[in-house]
PDB file of N, CA and C in Angstrom:
ATOM      1  N   MET A   1      -4.213   8.282 -18.096  1.00  0.00           N
ATOM      2  CA  MET A   1      -5.335   7.627 -17.463  1.00  0.00           C
ATOM      3  C   MET A   1      -6.122   8.786 -17.131  1.00  0.00           C
ATOM      4  N   ALA A   2      -7.406   8.601 -17.033  1.00  0.00           N
ATOM      5  CA  ALA A   2      -8.462   9.631 -17.165  1.00  0.00           C
ATOM      6  C   ALA A   2      -8.419  10.122 -15.485  1.00  0.00           C
ATOM      7  N   GLU A   3      -8.991  11.135 -15.229  1.00  0.00           N
ATOM      8  CA  GLU A   3      -9.320  11.506 -13.757  1.00  0.00           C
ATOM      9  C   GLU A   3     -10.292  10.592 -13.237  1.00  0.00           C
ATOM     10  N   PRO A   4     -10.122  10.587 -11.781  1.00  0.00           N
ATOM     11  CA  PRO A   4     -10.979   9.390 -11.261  1.00  0.00           C
ATOM     12  C   PRO A   4     -12.355  10.073 -11.086  1.00  0.00           C
ATOM     13  N   ALA A   5     -13.539   9.342 -11.022  1.00  0.00           N
ATOM     14  CA  ALA A   5     -14.816   9.814 -10.770  1.00  0.00           C
ATOM     15  C   ALA A   5     -14.872  10.672  -9.734  1.00  0.00           C
ATOM     16  N   ALA A   6     -15.704  11.488  -9.644  1.00  0.00           N
ATOM     17  CA  ALA A   6     -15.989  12.483  -8.405  1.00  0.00           C
ATOM     18  C   ALA A   6     -16.274  11.642  -7.265  1.00  0.00           C
ATOM     19  N   ASP A   7     -16.936  10.525  -7.445  1.00  0.00           N
ATOM     20  CA  ASP A   7     -17.772   9.889  -6.551  1.00  0.00           C
ATOM     21  C   ASP A   7     -16.612   9.057  -5.485  1.00  0.00           C
ATOM     22  N   ILE A   8     -15.414   8.858  -6.343  1.00  0.00           N
ATOM     23  CA  ILE A   8     -14.428   7.860  -5.584  1.00  0.00           C
ATOM     24  C   ILE A   8     -13.830   8.913  -4.553  1.00  0.00           C
ATOM     25  N   ALA A   9     -13.677  10.209  -4.735  1.00  0.00           N
ATOM     26  CA  ALA A   9     -12.883  11.153  -3.840  1.00  0.00           C
ATOM     27  C   ALA A   9     -13.679  11.341  -2.454  1.00  0.00           C
ATOM     28  N   THR A  10     -15.061  10.805  -2.588  1.00  0.00           N
ATOM     29  CA  THR A  10     -15.893  11.175  -1.431  1.00  0.00           C
ATOM     30  C   THR A  10     -16.089   9.856  -0.629  1.00  0.00           C
ATOM     31  N   MET A  11     -15.618   8.700  -1.257  1.00  0.00           N
ATOM     32  CA  MET A  11     -15.776   7.334  -0.601  1.00  0.00           C
ATOM     33  C   MET A  11     -14.758   7.187   0.785  1.00  0.00           C
ATOM     34  N   SER A  12     -15.399   6.620   1.429  1.00  0.00           N
ATOM     35  CA  SER A  12     -14.577   6.101   2.749  1.00  0.00           C
ATOM     36  C   SER A  12     -13.627   4.871   2.160  1.00  0.00           C
ATOM     37  N   PHE A  13     -12.600   4.670   3.019  1.00  0.00           N
ATOM     38  CA  PHE A  13     -11.548   3.585   2.705  1.00  0.00           C
ATOM     39  C   PHE A  13     -12.368   2.314   2.647  1.00  0.00           C
ATOM     40  N   GLU A  14     -13.324   2.135   3.338  1.00  0.00           N
ATOM     41  CA  GLU A  14     -13.848   0.701   3.322  1.00  0.00           C
ATOM     42  C   GLU A  14     -14.800   0.852   2.151  1.00  0.00           C
ATOM     43  N   ASP A  15     -15.555   1.672   1.741  1.00  0.00           N
ATOM     44  CA  ASP A  15     -16.170   1.657   0.575  1.00  0.00           C
ATOM     45  C   ASP A  15     -15.643   1.521  -0.619  1.00  0.00           C
ATOM     46  N   ALA A  16     -14.484   2.080  -0.785  1.00  0.00           N
ATOM     47  CA  ALA A  16     -13.549   1.904  -1.932  1.00  0.00           C
ATOM     48  C   ALA A  16     -12.985   0.790  -1.883  1.00  0.00           C
ATOM     49  N   LEU A  17     -12.354   0.056  -0.720  1.00  0.00           N
ATOM     50  CA  LEU A  17     -11.937  -1.177  -0.772  1.00  0.00           C
ATOM     51  C   LEU A  17     -12.984  -2.278  -1.239  1.00  0.00           C
ATOM     52  N   SER A  18     -14.307  -2.311  -0.712  1.00  0.00           N
ATOM     53  CA  SER A  18     -15.209  -3.114  -0.969  1.00  0.00           C
ATOM     54  C   SER A  18     -15.388  -3.047  -2.629  1.00  0.00           C
ATOM     55  N   GLU A  19     -15.700  -1.832  -3.226  1.00  0.00           N
ATOM     56  CA  GLU A  19     -15.880  -1.753  -4.576  1.00  0.00           C
ATOM     57  C   GLU A  19     -14.607  -2.394  -5.407  1.00  0.00           C
ATOM     58  N   LEU A  20     -13.557  -2.062  -4.962  1.00  0.00           N
ATOM     59  CA  LEU A  20     -12.239  -2.552  -5.493  1.00  0.00           C
ATOM     60  C   LEU A  20     -12.235  -4.279  -5.689  1.00  0.00           C
ATOM     61  N   ASP A  21     -12.683  -4.695  -4.431  1.00  0.00           N
ATOM     62  CA  ASP A  21     -12.612  -6.116  -4.429  1.00  0.00           C
ATOM     63  C   ASP A  21     -13.648  -6.661  -5.148  1.00  0.00           C
ATOM     64  N   ARG A  22     -14.868  -5.990  -5.650  1.00  0.00           N
ATOM     65  CA  ARG A  22     -16.073  -6.579  -6.324  1.00  0.00           C
ATOM     66  C   ARG A  22     -15.577  -6.358  -7.886  1.00  0.00           C
ATOM     67  N   ILE A  23     -14.559  -5.388  -8.171  1.00  0.00           N
ATOM     68  CA  ILE A  23     -14.097  -5.138  -9.532  1.00  0.00           C
ATOM     69  C   ILE A  23     -13.142  -6.446  -9.962  1.00  0.00           C
ATOM     70  N   VAL A  24     -12.174  -6.639  -8.995  1.00  0.00           N
ATOM     71  CA  VAL A  24     -11.206  -7.618  -8.883  1.00  0.00           C
ATOM     72  C   VAL A  24     -11.708  -9.034  -9.217  1.00  0.00           C
ATOM     73  N   ARG A  25     -13.046  -9.322  -8.313  1.00  0.00           N
ATOM     74  CA  ARG A  25     -13.740 -10.631  -8.541  1.00  0.00           C
ATOM     75  C   ARG A  25     -14.325 -10.733  -9.801  1.00  0.00           C
ATOM     76  N   ALA A  26     -14.806  -9.740 -10.364  1.00  0.00           N
ATOM     77  CA  ALA A  26     -15.283  -9.540 -11.745  1.00  0.00           C
ATOM     78  C   ALA A  26     -14.435  -9.885 -12.806  1.00  0.00           C
ATOM     79  N   LEU A  27     -13.453  -9.316 -12.682  1.00  0.00           N
ATOM     80  CA  LEU A  27     -12.229  -9.449 -13.789  1.00  0.00           C
ATOM     81  C   LEU A  27     -11.821 -10.900 -13.624  1.00  0.00           C
ATOM     82  N   GLU A  28     -11.513 -11.396 -12.659  1.00  0.00           N
ATOM     83  CA  GLU A  28     -11.027 -12.557 -12.336  1.00  0.00           C
ATOM     84  C   GLU A  28     -12.134 -13.691 -12.954  1.00  0.00           C
ATOM     85  N   GLY A  29     -13.238 -13.395 -12.951  1.00  0.00           N
ATOM     86  CA  GLY A  29     -14.094 -14.330 -13.563  1.00  0.00           C
ATOM     87  C   GLY A  29     -14.146 -14.594 -14.891  1.00  0.00           C
ATOM     88  N   GLY A  30     -13.719 -13.319 -15.661  1.00  0.00           N
ATOM     89  CA  GLY A  30     -13.464 -13.572 -16.923  1.00  0.00           C
ATOM     90  C   GLY A  30     -14.704 -13.352 -17.905  1.00  0.00           C
ATOM     91  N   ALA A  31     -15.976 -13.060 -17.428  1.00  0.00           N
ATOM     92  CA  ALA A  31     -17.086 -12.870 -18.097  1.00  0.00           C
ATOM     93  C   ALA A  31     -17.419 -11.697 -18.577  1.00  0.00           C
ATOM     94  N   THR A  32     -16.301 -10.582 -18.158  1.00  0.00           N
ATOM     95  CA  THR A  32     -16.702  -9.298 -18.804  1.00  0.00           C
ATOM     96  C   THR A  32     -16.305  -8.963 -20.018  1.00  0.00           C
ATOM     97  N   LYS A  33     -16.941  -8.089 -20.713  1.00  0.00           N
ATOM     98  CA  LYS A  33     -16.848  -7.728 -22.060  1.00  0.00           C
ATOM     99  C   LYS A  33     -15.296  -6.861 -22.190  1.00  0.00           C
ATOM    100  N   LEU A  34     -14.670  -6.961 -23.286  1.00  0.00           N
ATOM    101  CA  LEU A  34     -13.427  -6.286 -23.176  1.00  0.00           C
ATOM    102  C   LEU A  34     -13.542  -4.699 -22.822  1.00  0.00           C
ATOM    103  N   ASP A  35     -14.318  -4.036 -23.462  1.00  0.00           N
ATOM    104  CA  ASP A  35     -14.505  -2.634 -22.880  1.00  0.00           C
ATOM    105  C   ASP A  35     -14.883  -2.388 -21.619  1.00  0.00           C
ATOM    106  N   ASP A  36     -15.780  -3.051 -21.022  1.00  0.00           N
ATOM    107  CA  ASP A  36     -16.248  -3.171 -19.923  1.00  0.00           C
ATOM    108  C   ASP A  36     -15.113  -3.330 -18.717  1.00  0.00           C
ATOM    109  N   ALA A  37     -14.219  -4.361 -19.223  1.00  0.00           N
ATOM    110  CA  ALA A  37     -13.215  -4.987 -18.437  1.00  0.00           C
ATOM    111  C   ALA A  37     -12.034  -3.640 -18.379  1.00  0.00           C
ATOM    112  N   ILE A  38     -11.808  -3.033 -19.221  1.00  0.00           N
ATOM    113  CA  ILE A  38     -11.038  -2.024 -19.251  1.00  0.00           C
ATOM    114  C   ILE A  38     -11.395  -0.994 -18.466  1.00  0.00           C
ATOM    115  N   ALA A  39     -12.716  -0.455 -18.736  1.00  0.00           N
ATOM    116  CA  ALA A  39     -13.275   0.595 -17.713  1.00  0.00           C
ATOM    117  C   ALA A  39     -13.076   0.145 -16.371  1.00  0.00           C
ATOM    118  N   ALA A  40     -13.422  -1.011 -15.874  1.00  0.00           N
ATOM    119  CA  ALA A  40     -13.470  -1.476 -14.766  1.00  0.00           C
ATOM    120  C   ALA A  40     -11.979  -1.590 -14.246  1.00  0.00           C
ATOM    121  N   TYR A  41     -10.852  -1.720 -15.001  1.00  0.00           N
ATOM    122  CA  TYR A  41      -9.619  -1.942 -14.576  1.00  0.00           C
ATOM    123  C   TYR A  41      -9.320  -0.502 -14.248  1.00  0.00           C
ATOM    124  N   GLU A  42      -9.545   0.479 -15.103  1.00  0.00           N
ATOM    125  CA  GLU A  42      -9.170   1.865 -14.859  1.00  0.00           C
ATOM    126  C   GLU A  42      -9.749   2.500 -13.489  1.00  0.00           C
ATOM    127  N   ARG A  43     -11.211   2.009 -13.442  1.00  0.00           N
ATOM    128  CA  ARG A  43     -11.882   2.795 -11.961  1.00  0.00           C
ATOM    129  C   ARG A  43     -11.065   1.869 -10.830  1.00  0.00           C
ATOM    130  N   GLY A  44     -10.745   0.642 -11.089  1.00  0.00           N
ATOM    131  CA  GLY A  44      -9.983  -0.203  -9.993  1.00  0.00           C
ATOM    132  C   GLY A  44      -8.639   0.449  -9.601  1.00  0.00           C
ATOM    133  N   ALA A  45      -8.112   0.884 -10.600  1.00  0.00           N
ATOM    134  CA  ALA A  45      -6.650   1.579 -10.305  1.00  0.00           C
ATOM    135  C   ALA A  45      -7.064   3.075  -9.644  1.00  0.00           C
ATOM    136  N   HIS A  46      -8.083   3.671  -9.997  1.00  0.00           N
ATOM    137  CA  HIS A  46      -8.390   4.944  -9.186  1.00  0.00           C
ATOM    138  C   HIS A  46      -8.868   4.470  -7.582  1.00  0.00           C
ATOM    139  N   LEU A  47      -9.497   3.554  -7.609  1.00  0.00           N
ATOM    140  CA  LEU A  47      -9.965   3.142  -6.201  1.00  0.00           C
ATOM    141  C   LEU A  47      -8.662   2.738  -5.541  1.00  0.00           C
ATOM    142  N   LYS A  48      -7.714   1.952  -5.839  1.00  0.00           N
ATOM    143  CA  LYS A  48      -6.718   1.545  -5.275  1.00  0.00           C
ATOM    144  C   LYS A  48      -5.642   2.890  -4.900  1.00  0.00           C
ATOM    145  N   ARG A  49      -5.318   3.744  -5.757  1.00  0.00           N
ATOM    146  CA  ARG A  49      -4.905   4.884  -5.263  1.00  0.00           C
ATOM    147  C   ARG A  49      -5.520   5.814  -4.224  1.00  0.00           C
ATOM    148  N   HIS A  50      -6.842   5.667  -4.242  1.00  0.00           N
ATOM    149  CA  HIS A  50      -7.601   6.299  -3.440  1.00  0.00           C
ATOM    150  C   HIS A  50      -7.579   5.679  -1.718  1.00  0.00           C
ATOM    151  N   CYS A  51      -7.478   4.338  -1.975  1.00  0.00           N
ATOM    152  CA  CYS A  51      -7.351   3.672  -0.779  1.00  0.00           C
ATOM    153  C   CYS A  51      -5.848   3.761  -0.269  1.00  0.00           C
ATOM    154  N   GLU A  52      -4.851   3.849  -0.865  1.00  0.00           N
ATOM    155  CA  GLU A  52      -3.398   4.220  -0.560  1.00  0.00           C
ATOM    156  C   GLU A  52      -3.443   5.709   0.192  1.00  0.00           C
ATOM    157  N   ALA A  53      -3.873   6.477  -0.505  1.00  0.00           N
ATOM    158  CA  ALA A  53      -4.121   7.863   0.171  1.00  0.00           C
ATOM    159  C   ALA A  53      -4.698   7.890   1.466  1.00  0.00           C
ATOM    160  N   LYS A  54      -5.808   7.351   1.534  1.00  0.00           N
ATOM    161  CA  LYS A  54      -6.521   7.132   2.807  1.00  0.00           C
ATOM    162  C   LYS A  54      -5.843   6.520   3.867  1.00  0.00           C
ATOM    163  N   LEU A  55      -4.998   5.455   3.559  1.00  0.00           N
ATOM    164  CA  LEU A  55      -4.044   4.813   4.524  1.00  0.00           C
ATOM    165  C   LEU A  55      -3.160   5.668   4.907  1.00  0.00           C
ATOM    166  N   ARG A  56      -2.365   6.360   4.124  1.00  0.00           N
ATOM    167  CA  ARG A  56      -1.236   7.487   4.396  1.00  0.00           C
ATOM    168  C   ARG A  56      -1.947   8.467   5.244  1.00  0.00           C
ATOM    169  N   GLU A  57      -3.148   9.062   5.010  1.00  0.00           N
ATOM    170  CA  GLU A  57      -3.640  10.004   6.022  1.00  0.00           C
ATOM    171  C   GLU A  57      -3.927   9.337   7.319  1.00  0.00           C
ATOM    172  N   ALA A  58      -4.433   8.189   7.400  1.00  0.00           N
ATOM    173  CA  ALA A  58      -4.594   7.488   8.782  1.00  0.00           C
ATOM    174  C   ALA A  58      -3.209   7.423   9.419  1.00  0.00           C
ATOM    175  N   GLN A  59      -2.183   6.778   8.670  1.00  0.00           N
ATOM    176  CA  GLN A  59      -0.795   6.632   9.254  1.00  0.00           C
ATOM    177  C   GLN A  59      -0.243   7.973   9.749  1.00  0.00           C
ATOM    178  N   ALA A  60      -0.652   9.083   9.131  1.00  0.00           N
ATOM    179  CA  ALA A  60      -0.233  10.390   9.594  1.00  0.00           C
ATOM    180  C   ALA A  60      -0.518  10.749  10.915  1.00  0.00           C
ATOM    181  N   ARG A  61      -1.712  10.354  11.125  1.00  0.00           N
ATOM    182  CA  ARG A  61      -2.670  10.631  12.317  1.00  0.00           C
ATOM    183  C   ARG A  61      -2.087   9.937  13.511  1.00  0.00           C
ATOM    184  N   VAL A  62      -1.604   8.745  13.414  1.00  0.00           N
ATOM    185  CA  VAL A  62      -1.255   7.936  14.453  1.00  0.00           C
ATOM    186  C   VAL A  62      -0.039   8.576  15.127  1.00  0.00           C
ATOM    187  N   ASP A  63      -0.249   8.426  16.473  1.00  0.00           N
ATOM    188  CA  ASP A  63       0.950   8.940  17.485  1.00  0.00           C
ATOM    189  C   ASP A  63       1.289   7.831  18.066  1.00  0.00           C
ATOM    190  N   ARG A  64       2.639   7.908  18.338  1.00  0.00           N
ATOM    191  CA  ARG A  64       3.220   6.854  19.279  1.00  0.00           C
ATOM    192  C   ARG A  64       3.616   7.343  20.678  1.00  0.00           C
ATOM    193  N   ILE A  65       2.959   6.396  21.589  1.00  0.00           N
ATOM    194  CA  ILE A  65       3.076   6.911  23.137  1.00  0.00           C
ATOM    195  C   ILE A  65       4.654   6.355  23.458  1.00  0.00           C
ATOM    196  N   VAL A  66       5.319   7.271  24.097  1.00  0.00           N
ATOM    197  CA  VAL A  66       6.673   7.022  24.545  1.00  0.00           C
ATOM    198  C   VAL A  66       7.006   7.094  25.892  1.00  0.00           C
ATOM    199  N   LEU A  67       7.530   6.145  26.662  1.00  0.00           N
ATOM    200  CA  LEU A  67       7.683   6.283  27.857  1.00  0.00           C
ATOM    201  C   LEU A  67       9.311   6.598  28.001  1.00  0.00           C
ATOM    202  N   GLY A  68       9.574   7.657  28.630  1.00  0.00           N
ATOM    203  CA  GLY A  68      10.952   8.164  28.946  1.00  0.00           C
ATOM    204  C   GLY A  68      11.638   7.425  30.127  1.00  0.00           C
ATOM    205  N   PRO A  69      12.814   7.555  30.179  1.00  0.00           N
ATOM    206  CA  PRO A  69      13.833   6.994  31.145  1.00  0.00           C
ATOM    207  C   PRO A  69      13.404   7.165  32.576  1.00  0.00           C
ATOM    208  N   ASP A  70      12.872   8.582  32.624  1.00  0.00           N
ATOM    209  CA  ASP A  70      12.555   9.006  34.024  1.00  0.00           C
ATOM    210  C   ASP A  70      11.064   8.582  34.498  1.00  0.00           C
ATOM    211  N   GLY A  71      10.444   7.774  33.464  1.00  0.00           N
ATOM    212  CA  GLY A  71       8.818   7.539  33.689  1.00  0.00           C
ATOM    213  C   GLY A  71       7.935   8.332  33.210  1.00  0.00           C
ATOM    214  N   SER A  72       8.338   9.607  32.414  1.00  0.00           N
ATOM    215  CA  SER A  72       7.323  10.353  31.854  1.00  0.00           C
ATOM    216  C   SER A  72       6.955   9.820  30.731  1.00  0.00           C
ATOM    217  N   VAL A  73       5.633  10.193  30.204  1.00  0.00           N
ATOM    218  CA  VAL A  73       4.914   9.922  29.175  1.00  0.00           C
ATOM    219  C   VAL A  73       4.893  10.872  28.154  1.00  0.00           C
ATOM    220  N   SER A  74       5.153  10.848  26.942  1.00  0.00           N
ATOM    221  CA  SER A  74       4.944  11.419  26.069  1.00  0.00           C
ATOM    222  C   SER A  74       4.615  10.986  24.784  1.00  0.00           C
ATOM    223  N   ILE A  75       4.181  11.986  23.643  1.00  0.00           N
ATOM    224  CA  ILE A  75       3.654  11.584  22.329  1.00  0.00           C
ATOM    225  C   ILE A  75       4.451  12.130  21.273  1.00  0.00           C
ATOM    226  N   GLU A  76       4.821  11.156  20.160  1.00  0.00           N
ATOM    227  CA  GLU A  76       5.502  11.670  19.094  1.00  0.00           C
ATOM    228  C   GLU A  76       4.884  11.266  18.013  1.00  0.00           C
ATOM    229  N   PRO A  77       5.166  11.915  16.731  1.00  0.00           N
ATOM    230  CA  PRO A  77       4.643  11.354  15.752  1.00  0.00           C
ATOM    231  C   PRO A  77       5.018   9.874  15.249  1.00  0.00           C
ATOM    232  N   ALA A  78       3.967   9.096  14.476  1.00  0.00           N
ATOM    233  CA  ALA A  78       4.502   7.976  14.094  1.00  0.00           C
ATOM    234  C   ALA A  78       5.597   8.107  13.128  1.00  0.00           C
ATOM    235  N   ASN A  79       6.438   7.189  12.891  1.00  0.00           N
ATOM    236  CA  ASN A  79       7.636   7.055  11.787  1.00  0.00           C
ATOM    237  C   ASN A  79       6.830   6.634  10.693  1.00  0.00           C
ATOM    238  N   ILE A  80       6.411   7.498   9.716  1.00  0.00           N
ATOM    239  CA  ILE A  80       5.838   7.254   8.479  1.00  0.00           C
ATOM    240  C   ILE A  80       6.941   7.249   7.339  1.00  0.00           C
ATOM    241  N   GLN A  81       6.866   5.949   6.580  1.00  0.00           N
ATOM    242  CA  GLN A  81       7.688   5.869   5.441  1.00  0.00           C
ATOM    243  C   GLN A  81       6.894   5.501   4.250  1.00  0.00           C
TER     244      GLN A  81
END
């Protein structure tokens, strides 16, 4: 698969997800020419990977507040899987 377009790398999660949604709807509609559908599918795959990476980044920044047995409060990294 070709490298993703440079504009995808700078997109916010919300913008990428919105475009991915538009691509899926267009492909589901079935009115797209084959070459255009293939190009849209490839762009959609890049958008999907971008969204997944953005979600992993966000999850890595989430901390969990933990209350200790003595009532003390501490923060520990989220359990990322």
